[in-house]
Amino acid sequence: GFASQHMPWQQWTADQRTAVGEQKRLQLPDGSEVLLNTESAVNIAFNLHERRVVLLDGEVLISAASDPGARPFIVETPQCIVRAPGARFCVRIHGARSQVSVLEGHVDVTPLRLSQSTTLKAGERQSFRSDRFDPVQGFDTRSLAWDKGMLLASNMRLDELLGELGRYRPGVLRCHADVAGLRVSGAFSLRDTDASLRLLSDTLPLKISSLTRYWLSVEPRV
C-alpha cells in the first residue's frame, strides 16, 4: 500500500510540486496557506464537506484557516491523517514515517492502520508509521525556520545536519564516518548551501572534497 501511494508518477502529476532547493507558497480558496518545501508534491481537493491536502512527498508548512462551514482541514500522507480545526503546523514524509510538528493551535493525528488518534499541541512533534506512534517530543517552535531559508542547529550531529543541507542541493553530499558524530550548533543558510559548507569548514576541523560540483564529501582535516 505504501509503495502504491508513493510511486514517482503520482509526484510528477501532482497538482503542485517543487524541485530540489525550491519552495512554493500557495494561497487556498478558504484563506489557508500551504508552503511547499524542497522536492515536495501535493494534491489539493476541496469540496462541500472537507478541505483536503494530500502530501505525496516532501514537506509542507500549513496555516489552516477556520472555516465558516465547519469543514475539517485534513492533511493526508501515506502513513497518517492529520485534522486541524485551525492551526499552524508542519508535516514531513521521512522514509516510512510521517512527522507532524505543531507551531500554533492543535491537531489530531490518526495512523492509517489504527483507529486510535492522538492530539498534538503547539511545541509538540511526533512521528508516525501507518500502524504505530513514536513518542511525543517537545521542540522549540523557533527552531523550525526552513520557511525563512534557514536551518537552526542546536547540538546536532554533523551527519544529520549534512543530511538536511543535502535536501536543498542537487547531487550527493557525503559525510565521512570519522566526523559524523561531531556536534554542531549555529544558523545555516538553506538557500546558499555552499556558504553553509564553507562555514562548517571554517569553524570545524573539516575539509570539503569534491569530484564534481554534484559530488561532495565532508572529511576530517588532516
Foldseek 3Di string as FASTA:
>chain_A
DQCVLQDVVCQVPAPDFAAFQDKDWDQDPQRKIKIFDHGWGWHWDDDPAATEIETNAAKIWIFDDAHPSQRWYWYHYSFKIKTDNGFTWMWHDDPQKIKIAGQAAKIWMATQPDPDIDMDHHQWMWMTGNHDTDDIDGDDSVQPCVVVQKHFFDQDFPQVVQVVLPSRDAADEEEDPVRRRHTDGDIAGSNCVVVRVVVCVVPDQWDWDDPDPRHIYIGGND
